[in-house]
Amino acid sequence: MTDSSGRAFIVRPFGVKANSLGENPIDFDLIDTELISAALSQLGMTGGTTGEFIQQGDIRSDMFRELLVADLVIADISIHNANAFYELGIRHALKSQYTVMIKSDKRGDPHVFDLKVDRYLPYDPDHPSQAVEALVQTIKATLNNEKPDSPVFQLLPGLTSFDAGKVVVVPLKFREQVEQAAPMRADLLKLCEAVAGQPWEKEGLRMIGEAQFKMGDHEISAKTWERIREFDMLDVEANQKLATIYQKLKKLTVSDQAAERALQSSSLTDWELAETHSLIASNWKTRWHNAVEVESDPAELQRRALLSPFLEKSLQAYLQGFEKHRSHYYSGLNAVAMQSVQIELAKLHPNEWALNHDDERIAEMELEKRADFLAKLVAATELAIESSIRNYPDDEWATLSRADLMLLTSNNPKKVALNYMRCAAMPAFNADSLRRQLKIYQDLELFQENLKAALQAFKAPAAPQG
């Protein structure tokens, strides 16, 4: 998260309170005004306490929500105040990052045992404003730190932070406004401004960013998702979306960086891991194609394609994705494609294939090994595709993937044509993706009979399903 936006929640005693011996009172309202609020103001952040909820009924539900969704929590642990430590404990249990502790260094109670090894910012209760700059710098360092600051998550590294999006409710009126504004770029930008500072800002921005993404407004959508990522640099959805958007904008290095950030999140599911590895693999494939398509001579193009390190990098990244989740047919299919291309090119240019091995015998053995592995990979990918088609009949990508797999593996061009005819009415995005893939095979002059059947079928009227 950056230091220029976001909402803080302040955990502290209220009014003037003495320590556990009834001595050395501290004016915690003054500390809030002259130290905490002053520091937040410098950072452009808003802040609130449980005092805001007193007139609203059930204080606990609001408090729990704020402790979970706040981008930053500042906890004053100067005295042994039960409520303050209770709230701090909840924050430490729910969120791995972005909690700052402060404590009077002149008055108050001794540091509690369970927090003795944890850092806190000291302040002088008689001159709290003197610590404003130090608190500003501490907050900045906390928000820019990638490691957990919660002792719970430090000692139990297998834990994952609770997803705040599950408890944040975006008002119905705002959701309707996003739906109504979706066709209009300017209206969505106005909603980006309107959501600033709201407790549900991040989730509201997700809705706007998704609408912009579906419109194909990638430059603006990137800015919205970048703003979401400012709240949490490891936000899985934001980084995955940005990896995809940067890829479409041909910013492959930045796309890789976003995908690598997503991989750093401890909350990734196996499916999300497969998706993220596939994004990285797709970038390698794009680099591979860009590096070889400038060659006009077909034979030389094939040789360059075989020798390019990007081919192997793309293959291995797709395999990583498919290994993470065997139902992720997209990564499986692309791994099949890259391995099939590599094997076909190696057969056409055995001398080039041998260059990457100690001798010709080892090169031949490696090619046989990869061919055997490919047969198993094809079978696993086919199972994943057919399972998706059965369970999700409206999955157009699965139907298209079945045709793509058949192009790579079938000896029957007519069957290939029939399966592509069933995809002829696919949405424009799917069609563009298919054309890019077929062009690679066309440039390399591979799978020519099946490719010819696919291209002809793709121009024909859609065939009936079944």
Protein backbone atom coordinates (compact mmCIF):
# COMPACT_ATOMS: atom_id res chain seq x y z
CA MET A 1 0.00 0.00 0.00
CA THR A 2 1.18 3.56 -0.67
CA ASP A 3 1.24 6.31 1.91
CA SER A 4 -1.10 8.64 0.01
CA SER A 5 -4.49 7.03 0.47
CA GLY A 6 -6.50 4.62 2.54
CA ARG A 7 -8.37 4.40 5.80
CA ALA A 8 -6.89 3.88 9.26
CA PHE A 9 -8.58 2.56 12.37
CA ILE A 10 -7.30 3.81 15.73
CA VAL A 11 -7.26 1.53 18.75
CA ARG A 12 -6.84 3.52 21.98
CA PRO A 13 -8.26 4.40 25.40
CA PHE A 14 -10.62 7.39 25.52
CA GLY A 15 -10.38 10.52 27.62
CA VAL A 16 -7.89 10.93 30.46
CA LYS A 17 -6.79 7.57 31.87
CA ALA A 18 -4.24 6.65 34.55
CA ASN A 19 -2.07 3.55 34.57
CA SER A 20 -2.98 0.34 36.45
CA LEU A 21 -1.70 1.89 39.72
CA GLY A 22 -3.97 4.91 39.32
CA GLU A 23 -1.00 7.18 38.62
CA ASN A 24 0.41 9.31 35.78
CA PRO A 25 -2.74 10.04 33.79
CA ILE A 26 -2.54 10.51 30.01
CA ASP A 27 -4.96 12.54 27.87
CA PHE A 28 -5.52 10.05 25.05
CA ASP A 29 -7.87 12.36 23.17
CA LEU A 30 -5.02 14.88 23.02
CA ILE A 31 -2.64 12.16 21.80
CA ASP A 32 -5.13 11.33 19.06
CA THR A 33 -5.47 14.96 17.94
CA GLU A 34 -1.86 16.12 18.14
CA LEU A 35 -0.05 12.93 17.16
CA ILE A 36 -2.14 10.26 15.42
CA SER A 37 -4.57 12.42 13.43
CA ALA A 38 -1.78 14.88 12.58
CA ALA A 39 0.35 12.08 11.11
CA LEU A 40 -2.56 10.60 9.16
CA SER A 41 -3.41 14.03 7.78
CA GLN A 42 0.12 14.40 6.41
CA LEU A 43 -0.26 11.06 4.66
CA GLY A 44 -3.66 11.87 3.19
CA MET A 45 -5.33 9.09 5.17
CA THR A 46 -8.61 9.13 7.04
CA GLY A 47 -9.00 7.59 10.48
CA GLY A 48 -11.68 6.55 12.94
CA THR A 49 -12.18 4.85 16.30
CA THR A 50 -14.89 2.81 18.02
CA GLY A 51 -16.18 6.16 19.32
CA GLU A 52 -17.86 6.60 15.93
CA PHE A 53 -20.06 3.53 16.53
CA ILE A 54 -21.47 4.38 19.97
CA GLN A 55 -24.64 5.91 18.55
CA GLN A 56 -25.16 3.13 16.00
CA GLY A 57 -26.20 0.17 18.14
CA ASP A 58 -24.06 -2.97 17.97
CA ILE A 59 -20.53 -1.63 18.40
CA ARG A 60 -18.82 -5.01 18.07
CA SER A 61 -19.89 -5.84 14.51
CA ASP A 62 -18.71 -2.42 13.29
CA MET A 63 -15.50 -2.74 15.28
CA PHE A 64 -14.74 -6.22 13.92
CA ARG A 65 -15.35 -5.05 10.38
CA GLU A 66 -13.09 -2.00 10.76
CA LEU A 67 -10.30 -4.06 12.31
CA LEU A 68 -10.47 -6.37 9.31
CA VAL A 69 -10.89 -3.94 6.42
CA ALA A 70 -8.81 -0.97 7.64
CA ASP A 71 -5.74 -0.42 5.52
CA LEU A 72 -3.82 0.54 8.65
CA VAL A 73 -4.42 0.09 12.38
CA ILE A 74 -2.66 2.30 14.94
CA ALA A 75 -2.83 0.91 18.49
CA ASP A 76 -1.89 2.92 21.58
CA ILE A 77 -0.74 0.38 24.19
CA SER A 78 0.50 2.88 26.80
CA ILE A 79 -1.71 1.49 29.56
CA HIS A 80 -3.20 -1.93 30.22
CA ASN A 81 -6.55 -1.09 28.69
CA ALA A 82 -8.54 -4.29 28.13
CA ASN A 83 -10.51 -2.98 25.14
CA ALA A 84 -7.37 -1.72 23.35
CA PHE A 85 -5.56 -5.04 23.75
CA TYR A 86 -8.67 -6.99 22.75
CA GLU A 87 -8.96 -5.00 19.53
CA LEU A 88 -5.22 -5.26 18.84
CA GLY A 89 -5.41 -9.04 19.28
CA ILE A 90 -8.26 -9.27 16.79
CA ARG A 91 -6.29 -7.26 14.24
CA HIS A 92 -3.18 -9.41 14.72
CA ALA A 93 -5.26 -12.56 14.27
CA LEU A 94 -7.06 -11.38 11.11
CA LYS A 95 -4.44 -9.40 9.19
CA SER A 96 -0.79 -10.21 8.65
CA GLN A 97 0.30 -6.65 7.88
CA TYR A 98 -0.13 -2.94 8.43
CA THR A 99 -0.44 -2.51 12.21
CA VAL A 100 1.54 0.16 14.10
CA MET A 101 1.85 0.23 17.91
CA ILE A 102 2.64 3.40 19.85
CA LYS A 103 3.37 3.83 23.55
CA SER A 104 4.14 6.60 26.05
CA ASP A 105 7.80 6.43 27.03
CA LYS A 106 7.31 8.52 30.22
CA ARG A 107 4.07 7.36 31.76
CA GLY A 108 1.82 4.35 31.55
CA ASP A 109 2.21 0.68 32.35
CA PRO A 110 5.13 -1.71 31.69
CA HIS A 111 5.18 -3.33 28.27
CA VAL A 112 3.07 -6.50 28.32
CA PHE A 113 5.01 -9.76 28.13
CA ASP A 114 3.47 -11.07 24.89
CA LEU A 115 4.48 -7.89 23.01
CA LYS A 116 7.93 -7.35 24.52
CA VAL A 117 9.78 -8.40 21.38
CA ASP A 118 7.56 -6.33 19.08
CA ARG A 119 8.51 -2.83 18.04
CA TYR A 120 6.50 0.22 18.97
CA LEU A 121 6.90 3.96 18.49
CA PRO A 122 7.55 5.84 21.77
CA TYR A 123 6.08 9.29 22.35
CA ASP A 124 6.15 11.94 25.08
CA PRO A 125 2.56 12.37 26.41
CA ASP A 126 3.39 15.96 27.42
CA HIS A 127 4.58 16.87 23.92
CA PRO A 128 2.92 14.39 21.53
CA SER A 129 3.34 16.63 18.47
CA GLN A 130 7.10 16.12 18.65
CA ALA A 131 6.63 12.52 17.50
CA VAL A 132 4.47 13.31 14.44
CA GLU A 133 7.31 13.06 11.91
CA ALA A 134 8.55 9.82 13.47
CA LEU A 135 5.03 8.35 13.27
CA VAL A 136 4.71 9.43 9.63
CA GLN A 137 7.94 7.64 8.77
CA THR A 138 6.92 4.57 10.77
CA ILE A 139 3.60 4.37 8.94
CA LYS A 140 5.34 4.73 5.58
CA ALA A 141 7.79 1.95 6.42
CA THR A 142 4.96 -0.27 7.66
CA LEU A 143 2.85 0.21 4.53
CA ASN A 144 5.83 -0.47 2.27
CA ASN A 145 6.98 -3.56 4.16
CA GLU A 146 6.23 -6.85 2.40
CA LYS A 147 6.69 -9.01 5.50
CA PRO A 148 4.05 -9.67 8.19
CA ASP A 149 4.14 -7.40 11.23
CA SER A 150 1.55 -9.46 13.13
CA PRO A 151 3.26 -11.74 15.68
CA VAL A 152 0.57 -14.34 14.99
CA PHE A 153 1.49 -14.58 11.30
CA GLN A 154 5.21 -14.32 12.05
CA LEU A 155 5.11 -17.36 14.32
CA LEU A 156 2.56 -19.32 12.24
CA PRO A 157 3.69 -18.69 8.62
CA GLY A 158 1.13 -21.10 7.17
CA LEU A 159 -1.74 -18.77 8.06
CA THR A 160 -3.37 -16.49 5.50
CA SER A 161 -5.07 -13.17 6.15
CA PHE A 162 -8.86 -13.18 6.08
CA ASP A 163 -10.29 -11.83 2.83
CA ALA A 164 -11.84 -8.49 3.76
CA GLY A 165 -13.88 -8.52 0.55
CA LYS A 166 -16.07 -11.23 2.07
CA VAL A 167 -17.43 -8.90 4.74
CA VAL A 168 -17.39 -5.54 2.98
CA VAL A 169 -20.76 -4.70 1.46
CA VAL A 170 -20.77 -2.21 -1.40
CA PRO A 171 -24.04 -0.23 -1.27
CA LEU A 172 -26.67 -1.37 -3.75
CA LYS A 173 -27.02 2.14 -5.14
CA PHE A 174 -23.33 2.25 -6.03
CA ARG A 175 -23.42 -1.21 -7.65
CA GLU A 176 -26.33 -0.05 -9.79
CA GLN A 177 -24.44 3.11 -10.73
CA VAL A 178 -21.50 1.03 -11.95
CA GLU A 179 -23.82 -1.13 -14.06
CA GLN A 180 -25.49 1.95 -15.55
CA ALA A 181 -22.17 3.69 -16.21
CA ALA A 182 -20.43 0.62 -17.67
CA PRO A 183 -20.80 1.65 -21.34
CA MET A 184 -19.49 5.16 -20.62
CA ARG A 185 -15.80 5.70 -19.89
CA ALA A 186 -16.27 9.19 -18.40
CA ASP A 187 -19.04 8.07 -16.05
CA LEU A 188 -16.87 5.26 -14.67
CA LEU A 189 -14.05 7.72 -14.05
CA LYS A 190 -16.44 9.92 -12.06
CA LEU A 191 -17.37 6.92 -9.91
CA CYS A 192 -13.65 6.33 -9.23
CA GLU A 193 -13.55 9.80 -7.72
CA ALA A 194 -16.81 9.35 -5.81
CA VAL A 195 -15.66 6.16 -4.07
CA ALA A 196 -12.50 7.73 -2.60
CA GLY A 197 -12.37 7.60 1.21
CA GLN A 198 -15.35 5.26 1.59
CA PRO A 199 -14.92 2.24 3.91
CA TRP A 200 -15.77 0.07 0.88
CA GLU A 201 -13.50 1.99 -1.51
CA LYS A 202 -11.37 -0.97 -2.53
CA GLU A 203 -14.33 -3.25 -3.29
CA GLY A 204 -16.08 -0.45 -5.16
CA LEU A 205 -12.97 0.07 -7.27
CA ARG A 206 -12.93 -3.65 -8.08
CA MET A 207 -16.37 -3.31 -9.65
CA ILE A 208 -15.27 -0.30 -11.68
CA GLY A 209 -12.01 -1.96 -12.75
CA GLU A 210 -13.86 -5.07 -13.87
CA ALA A 211 -16.30 -2.98 -15.92
CA GLN A 212 -13.42 -1.10 -17.56
CA PHE A 213 -11.65 -4.38 -18.29
CA LYS A 214 -14.70 -5.89 -19.98
CA MET A 215 -15.02 -2.73 -22.10
CA GLY A 216 -11.45 -3.25 -23.30
CA ASP A 217 -10.43 0.09 -21.83
CA HIS A 218 -7.07 -1.30 -20.79
CA GLU A 219 -5.09 1.89 -20.15
CA ILE A 220 -7.74 3.22 -17.76
CA SER A 221 -8.49 -0.18 -16.28
CA ALA A 222 -4.79 -0.53 -15.42
CA LYS A 223 -4.91 2.70 -13.42
CA THR A 224 -7.95 1.49 -11.46
CA TRP A 225 -6.36 -1.88 -10.62
CA GLU A 226 -3.10 -0.14 -9.71
CA ARG A 227 -5.09 1.99 -7.29
CA ILE A 228 -6.58 -1.17 -5.77
CA ARG A 229 -3.08 -2.62 -5.42
CA GLU A 230 -2.02 0.44 -3.47
CA PHE A 231 -4.07 -0.95 -0.56
CA ASP A 232 -2.18 -4.26 -0.70
CA MET A 233 0.77 -4.83 -3.03
CA LEU A 234 0.13 -8.61 -2.96
CA ASP A 235 -3.60 -8.39 -3.76
CA VAL A 236 -4.12 -11.53 -5.88
CA GLU A 237 -6.97 -10.33 -8.08
CA ALA A 238 -5.37 -6.94 -8.74
CA ASN A 239 -2.03 -8.46 -9.70
CA GLN A 240 -3.60 -11.10 -11.92
CA LYS A 241 -5.74 -8.51 -13.67
CA LEU A 242 -2.75 -6.20 -14.10
CA ALA A 243 -0.65 -9.07 -15.49
CA THR A 244 -3.35 -9.67 -18.11
CA ILE A 245 -3.86 -5.98 -18.89
CA TYR A 246 -0.14 -5.23 -19.21
CA GLN A 247 0.14 -8.24 -21.50
CA LYS A 248 -2.53 -6.79 -23.78
CA LEU A 249 -0.71 -3.45 -23.70
CA LYS A 250 2.49 -5.28 -24.74
CA LYS A 251 4.24 -4.37 -21.49
CA LEU A 252 5.54 -7.86 -20.85
CA THR A 253 8.13 -7.08 -18.18
CA VAL A 254 5.59 -5.22 -16.04
CA SER A 255 3.12 -8.05 -16.68
CA ASP A 256 5.68 -10.56 -15.38
CA GLN A 257 6.25 -8.42 -12.29
CA ALA A 258 2.53 -8.30 -11.51
CA ALA A 259 2.26 -12.08 -11.91
CA GLU A 260 5.29 -12.63 -9.67
CA ARG A 261 3.69 -10.41 -7.03
CA ALA A 262 0.57 -12.55 -7.18
CA LEU A 263 2.70 -15.65 -6.63
CA GLN A 264 4.08 -14.12 -3.42
CA SER A 265 0.63 -14.14 -1.81
CA SER A 266 0.16 -16.89 0.73
CA SER A 267 -3.59 -16.93 0.05
CA LEU A 268 -3.39 -18.22 -3.54
CA THR A 269 -5.52 -21.27 -4.28
CA ASP A 270 -4.15 -24.01 -6.52
CA TRP A 271 -6.38 -22.75 -9.33
CA GLU A 272 -5.05 -19.21 -8.91
CA LEU A 273 -1.51 -20.58 -8.95
CA ALA A 274 -2.25 -22.31 -12.24
CA GLU A 275 -3.72 -19.10 -13.66
CA THR A 276 -0.72 -17.04 -12.62
CA HIS A 277 1.88 -19.46 -13.98
CA SER A 278 -0.07 -19.50 -17.24
CA LEU A 279 0.09 -15.70 -17.45
CA ILE A 280 3.88 -15.86 -17.13
CA ALA A 281 4.01 -18.67 -19.70
CA SER A 282 1.91 -16.64 -22.13
CA ASN A 283 4.40 -13.77 -21.86
CA TRP A 284 7.25 -16.15 -22.71
CA LYS A 285 5.26 -17.45 -25.67
CA THR A 286 4.68 -13.90 -26.91
CA ARG A 287 8.41 -13.17 -26.65
CA TRP A 288 9.13 -16.40 -28.51
CA HIS A 289 6.78 -15.56 -31.35
CA ASN A 290 8.00 -11.95 -31.56
CA ALA A 291 11.61 -13.13 -31.80
CA VAL A 292 11.04 -15.49 -34.72
CA GLU A 293 8.22 -13.99 -36.78
CA VAL A 294 10.55 -11.39 -38.34
CA GLU A 295 12.20 -14.20 -40.34
CA SER A 296 10.65 -14.64 -43.80
CA ASP A 297 12.34 -17.90 -44.84
CA PRO A 298 10.19 -20.77 -43.43
CA ALA A 299 13.11 -23.14 -42.79
CA GLU A 300 15.16 -20.49 -41.04
CA LEU A 301 12.11 -19.42 -39.03
CA GLN A 302 11.67 -23.02 -37.85
CA ARG A 303 15.33 -23.24 -36.82
CA ARG A 304 15.19 -19.97 -34.90
CA ALA A 305 11.95 -21.04 -33.22
CA LEU A 306 13.51 -24.32 -32.09
CA LEU A 307 16.68 -22.68 -30.77
CA SER A 308 14.91 -19.84 -28.98
CA PRO A 309 15.14 -20.20 -25.17
CA PHE A 310 11.67 -18.64 -24.91
CA LEU A 311 10.09 -21.83 -26.29
CA GLU A 312 11.39 -23.95 -23.42
CA LYS A 313 10.63 -21.24 -20.83
CA SER A 314 7.03 -21.02 -22.01
CA LEU A 315 6.65 -24.80 -22.01
CA GLN A 316 7.96 -25.18 -18.47
CA ALA A 317 5.80 -22.34 -17.12
CA TYR A 318 2.65 -23.87 -18.66
CA LEU A 319 3.60 -27.24 -17.15
CA GLN A 320 4.01 -25.58 -13.76
CA GLY A 321 0.49 -24.21 -14.07
CA PHE A 322 -1.02 -27.56 -15.06
CA GLU A 323 0.81 -29.32 -12.23
CA LYS A 324 -0.77 -26.92 -9.75
CA HIS A 325 -4.30 -27.87 -10.83
CA ARG A 326 -5.04 -30.75 -13.19
CA SER A 327 -8.44 -29.31 -14.09
CA HIS A 328 -6.84 -26.12 -15.42
CA TYR A 329 -7.12 -27.21 -19.04
CA TYR A 330 -5.86 -23.89 -20.43
CA SER A 331 -2.35 -24.47 -19.06
CA GLY A 332 -2.49 -28.14 -20.04
CA LEU A 333 -3.53 -27.34 -23.61
CA ASN A 334 -0.81 -24.74 -24.06
CA ALA A 335 1.78 -27.09 -22.62
CA VAL A 336 0.65 -29.65 -25.20
CA ALA A 337 0.94 -27.03 -27.94
CA MET A 338 4.44 -25.88 -26.97
CA GLN A 339 5.69 -29.45 -26.52
CA SER A 340 4.14 -30.55 -29.82
CA VAL A 341 5.73 -27.63 -31.65
CA GLN A 342 9.10 -28.36 -30.09
CA ILE A 343 8.95 -32.05 -31.04
CA GLU A 344 7.85 -31.33 -34.62
CA LEU A 345 10.58 -28.73 -35.08
CA ALA A 346 13.18 -31.11 -33.61
CA LYS A 347 12.18 -33.78 -36.13
CA LEU A 348 12.50 -31.30 -38.98
CA HIS A 349 15.84 -29.93 -37.76
CA PRO A 350 17.67 -32.66 -35.81
CA ASN A 351 21.03 -30.88 -36.06
CA GLU A 352 19.66 -27.81 -34.29
CA TRP A 353 17.99 -29.99 -31.65
CA ALA A 354 21.32 -31.75 -31.03
CA LEU A 355 23.02 -28.40 -30.34
CA ASN A 356 21.32 -28.26 -26.93
CA HIS A 357 22.62 -31.72 -25.93
CA ASP A 358 26.00 -33.36 -25.40
CA ASP A 359 25.71 -35.62 -28.45
CA GLU A 360 23.19 -36.86 -31.03
CA ARG A 361 22.38 -40.03 -29.08
CA ILE A 362 21.38 -38.07 -25.98
CA ALA A 363 19.39 -35.66 -28.16
CA GLU A 364 17.43 -38.57 -29.68
CA MET A 365 16.78 -40.09 -26.25
CA GLU A 366 15.53 -36.76 -24.94
CA LEU A 367 13.21 -36.37 -27.92
CA GLU A 368 11.77 -39.85 -27.33
CA LYS A 369 11.33 -39.06 -23.65
CA ARG A 370 9.44 -35.88 -24.49
CA ALA A 371 7.24 -37.69 -27.00
CA ASP A 372 6.29 -40.27 -24.35
CA PHE A 373 5.54 -37.49 -21.86
CA LEU A 374 3.47 -35.65 -24.47
CA ALA A 375 1.16 -38.65 -24.88
CA LYS A 376 0.43 -38.59 -21.13
CA LEU A 377 0.01 -34.82 -21.15
CA VAL A 378 -2.50 -35.03 -24.02
CA ALA A 379 -4.56 -37.62 -22.14
CA ALA A 380 -4.62 -35.53 -18.95
CA THR A 381 -5.55 -32.36 -20.85
CA GLU A 382 -8.32 -34.12 -22.75
CA LEU A 383 -9.81 -35.35 -19.47
CA ALA A 384 -9.70 -31.81 -18.04
CA ILE A 385 -11.40 -30.33 -21.12
CA GLU A 386 -14.13 -32.97 -21.33
CA SER A 387 -14.80 -32.65 -17.59
CA SER A 388 -15.28 -28.90 -17.95
CA ILE A 389 -17.60 -29.34 -20.95
CA ARG A 390 -19.76 -31.81 -19.01
CA ASN A 391 -19.90 -29.73 -15.85
CA TYR A 392 -20.09 -26.31 -17.51
CA PRO A 393 -21.90 -26.65 -20.86
CA ASP A 394 -21.67 -22.89 -21.47
CA ASP A 395 -17.88 -22.85 -21.18
CA GLU A 396 -17.00 -21.64 -24.69
CA TRP A 397 -13.30 -21.77 -23.94
CA ALA A 398 -13.54 -25.50 -23.19
CA THR A 399 -15.30 -26.17 -26.51
CA LEU A 400 -12.65 -24.16 -28.36
CA SER A 401 -9.89 -25.92 -26.42
CA ARG A 402 -11.23 -29.31 -27.50
CA ALA A 403 -10.91 -28.20 -31.13
CA ASP A 404 -7.40 -26.84 -30.49
CA LEU A 405 -6.31 -30.10 -28.90
CA MET A 406 -7.71 -32.06 -31.82
CA LEU A 407 -5.75 -29.93 -34.28
CA LEU A 408 -2.54 -30.91 -32.48
CA THR A 409 -3.29 -34.62 -32.07
CA SER A 410 -5.83 -35.89 -34.63
CA ASN A 411 -5.11 -37.73 -37.89
CA ASN A 412 -8.56 -36.84 -39.19
CA PRO A 413 -8.78 -33.29 -40.65
CA LYS A 414 -12.55 -33.64 -41.18
CA LYS A 415 -13.04 -34.23 -37.49
CA VAL A 416 -10.88 -31.20 -36.75
CA ALA A 417 -13.02 -29.10 -39.10
CA LEU A 418 -16.26 -30.22 -37.44
CA ASN A 419 -15.05 -29.23 -33.99
CA TYR A 420 -13.95 -25.80 -35.20
CA MET A 421 -17.26 -25.25 -36.96
CA ARG A 422 -18.94 -25.66 -33.58
CA CYS A 423 -16.88 -22.69 -32.40
CA ALA A 424 -17.60 -20.42 -35.36
CA ALA A 425 -20.09 -18.27 -33.43
CA MET A 426 -17.70 -17.63 -30.53
CA PRO A 427 -17.29 -14.11 -29.07
CA ALA A 428 -14.78 -11.78 -30.72
CA PHE A 429 -12.23 -12.14 -27.90
CA ASN A 430 -12.15 -15.93 -28.26
CA ALA A 431 -11.93 -15.61 -32.05
CA ASP A 432 -8.96 -13.23 -31.86
CA SER A 433 -7.17 -15.58 -29.49
CA LEU A 434 -7.76 -18.48 -31.88
CA ARG A 435 -6.47 -16.52 -34.88
CA ARG A 436 -3.26 -15.63 -33.04
CA GLN A 437 -2.67 -19.26 -32.15
CA LEU A 438 -3.37 -20.55 -35.65
CA LYS A 439 -1.06 -17.92 -37.12
CA ILE A 440 1.85 -19.35 -35.11
CA TYR A 441 1.30 -22.77 -36.65
CA GLN A 442 0.83 -21.18 -40.06
CA ASP A 443 4.10 -19.23 -39.83
CA LEU A 444 5.97 -22.38 -38.75
CA GLU A 445 4.27 -24.53 -41.42
CA LEU A 446 3.25 -27.16 -38.85
CA PHE A 447 0.15 -29.40 -38.61
CA GLN A 448 -0.68 -28.24 -42.13
CA GLU A 449 -3.57 -30.56 -43.06
CA ASN A 450 -5.36 -30.01 -39.76
CA LEU A 451 -4.57 -26.30 -39.89
CA LYS A 452 -6.07 -25.99 -43.37
CA ALA A 453 -9.24 -27.76 -42.17
CA ALA A 454 -9.45 -25.51 -39.12
CA LEU A 455 -9.09 -22.30 -41.12
CA GLN A 456 -11.75 -23.36 -43.61
CA ALA A 457 -14.14 -24.45 -40.88
CA PHE A 458 -13.62 -21.26 -38.97
CA LYS A 459 -15.02 -19.31 -41.92
CA ALA A 460 -17.99 -21.64 -42.34
CA PRO A 461 -21.40 -21.30 -40.61
CA ALA A 462 -21.55 -22.75 -37.12
CA ALA A 463 -22.25 -26.46 -36.93
CA PRO A 464 -24.96 -27.80 -34.63
CA GLN A 465 -23.83 -28.88 -31.17
CA GLY A 466 -23.84 -32.51 -30.11
